[in-house]
Amino acid sequence: MVTGNWCGLVWFFAPLIGWMFAHMSFSIPVKRLRETETLMAFHHPKPSYPFHVLLVPKRAVKTLMEFDSSDSAFLTDLYSTVQSLVDEFHLASYRLIVNGGEYQDIP
C-alpha cells in the first residue's frame, strides 16, 4: 500500500520511466496506435472518455514549458499524430489536453 505523497514518488521514478519510453518502448505492454522516434500513442488503460488516448514523449518531461525550438521533431510528431488519429477515428469533435507537473500521472 502506497501512502503519503504519491506525486513525489512518481517524480522520483520519472527519469526511469522516461528512459523506458526512450530506450525500451517495445517492452511496454500497450497496443500502440502510433509510434515515432519521439512519441508513442496508445489507448489509456483507465479511460475517462469514450476515446481517450495518451500521447507520451519518449523522454522524461515534467512540463510542456521544457520544450523549445530544438524540440521541433517532437512537436511536429505530436500534431501530425493528433491529426492522423482525428482523421482515422472520424472524430467530429475532440479535446487535446496537456497535463504537466503534478497533474501528470502514470496509469
Protein backbone atom coordinates (compact mmCIF):
# COMPACT_ATOMS: atom_id res chain seq x y z
CA MET A 1 0.00 0.00 0.00
CA VAL A 2 1.38 3.38 -1.02
CA THR A 3 0.77 6.20 1.41
CA GLY A 4 1.97 9.76 1.64
CA ASN A 5 2.94 11.90 -1.31
CA TRP A 6 2.26 9.75 -4.38
CA CYS A 7 3.22 12.61 -6.71
CA GLY A 8 6.67 12.78 -5.10
CA LEU A 9 7.11 9.06 -5.62
CA VAL A 10 6.15 9.36 -9.28
CA TRP A 11 8.70 12.15 -9.85
CA PHE A 12 11.34 10.07 -8.09
CA PHE A 13 10.87 7.39 -10.78
CA ALA A 14 10.31 9.85 -13.68
CA PRO A 15 13.86 9.51 -15.08
CA LEU A 16 13.49 5.71 -15.17
CA ILE A 17 10.07 5.95 -16.81
CA GLY A 18 11.43 8.43 -19.37
CA TRP A 19 14.36 6.12 -20.06
CA MET A 20 11.98 3.19 -20.60
CA PHE A 21 9.92 5.17 -23.12
CA ALA A 22 13.11 6.29 -24.89
CA HIS A 23 15.02 3.00 -24.97
CA MET A 24 12.64 0.14 -24.22
CA SER A 25 9.27 1.27 -25.58
CA PHE A 26 8.97 -2.11 -27.30
CA SER A 27 8.57 -3.73 -23.87
CA ILE A 28 5.71 -1.51 -22.68
CA PRO A 29 2.58 -3.71 -22.83
CA VAL A 30 0.15 -1.45 -24.70
CA LYS A 31 -1.50 -1.58 -28.11
CA ARG A 32 0.17 1.24 -29.97
CA LEU A 33 -1.93 3.45 -32.18
CA ARG A 34 1.16 5.33 -33.37
CA GLU A 35 4.85 5.30 -32.57
CA THR A 36 7.52 7.65 -33.86
CA GLU A 37 11.11 8.34 -32.87
CA THR A 38 9.86 10.91 -30.35
CA LEU A 39 6.47 9.72 -29.05
CA MET A 40 4.12 6.82 -28.52
CA ALA A 41 0.30 6.97 -28.73
CA PHE A 42 -1.91 4.34 -27.12
CA HIS A 43 -5.35 3.95 -25.57
CA HIS A 44 -5.48 4.99 -21.92
CA PRO A 45 -5.69 1.86 -19.75
CA LYS A 46 -8.28 3.55 -17.48
CA PRO A 47 -10.14 5.86 -19.88
CA SER A 48 -12.19 8.80 -18.64
CA TYR A 49 -13.74 9.36 -22.08
CA PRO A 50 -15.07 7.10 -24.86
CA PHE A 51 -11.94 7.88 -26.90
CA HIS A 52 -9.05 8.51 -24.50
CA VAL A 53 -5.56 8.30 -25.97
CA LEU A 54 -2.23 9.06 -24.34
CA LEU A 55 0.49 10.68 -26.42
CA VAL A 56 3.68 10.18 -24.44
CA PRO A 57 7.08 11.64 -25.26
CA LYS A 58 9.91 9.15 -25.34
CA ARG A 59 11.83 11.13 -22.73
CA ALA A 60 11.09 12.37 -19.24
CA VAL A 61 9.31 15.74 -19.45
CA LYS A 62 7.98 17.49 -16.36
CA THR A 63 6.14 20.22 -18.21
CA LEU A 64 5.39 21.49 -21.70
CA MET A 65 7.46 24.55 -20.77
CA GLU A 66 10.63 22.41 -21.09
CA PHE A 67 10.19 22.24 -24.86
CA ASP A 68 11.86 24.83 -27.05
CA SER A 69 12.61 25.30 -30.74
CA SER A 70 15.18 22.48 -30.65
CA ASP A 71 12.29 20.07 -29.95
CA SER A 72 10.66 20.66 -33.32
CA ALA A 73 10.72 16.93 -34.18
CA PHE A 74 8.58 16.06 -31.15
CA LEU A 75 6.17 18.95 -31.69
CA THR A 76 5.81 18.05 -35.37
CA ASP A 77 5.19 14.38 -34.46
CA LEU A 78 2.68 15.44 -31.81
CA TYR A 79 0.49 17.49 -34.15
CA SER A 80 0.88 15.06 -37.04
CA THR A 81 -0.17 12.18 -34.76
CA VAL A 82 -3.18 14.10 -33.44
CA GLN A 83 -4.30 14.97 -36.97
CA SER A 84 -3.98 11.38 -38.18
CA LEU A 85 -5.87 9.97 -35.15
CA VAL A 86 -8.69 12.51 -35.59
CA ASP A 87 -8.93 11.50 -39.23
CA GLU A 88 -8.65 7.73 -38.67
CA PHE A 89 -11.24 7.60 -35.89
CA HIS A 90 -13.56 10.13 -37.58
CA LEU A 91 -13.66 12.41 -34.55
CA ALA A 92 -16.08 15.24 -35.31
CA SER A 93 -15.01 16.95 -32.09
CA TYR A 94 -12.16 16.34 -29.68
CA ARG A 95 -10.08 17.89 -26.92
CA LEU A 96 -6.32 17.89 -26.72
CA ILE A 97 -5.36 18.18 -23.06
CA VAL A 98 -1.81 18.64 -21.80
CA ASN A 99 -1.05 17.52 -18.26
CA GLY A 100 2.11 18.78 -16.64
CA GLY A 101 3.78 18.80 -13.27
CA GLU A 102 1.64 17.34 -10.51
CA TYR A 103 -1.22 16.71 -12.97
CA GLN A 104 0.77 14.10 -14.87
CA ASP A 105 0.20 10.54 -13.82
CA ILE A 106 1.25 7.12 -14.89
CA PRO A 107 -1.69 4.75 -15.24
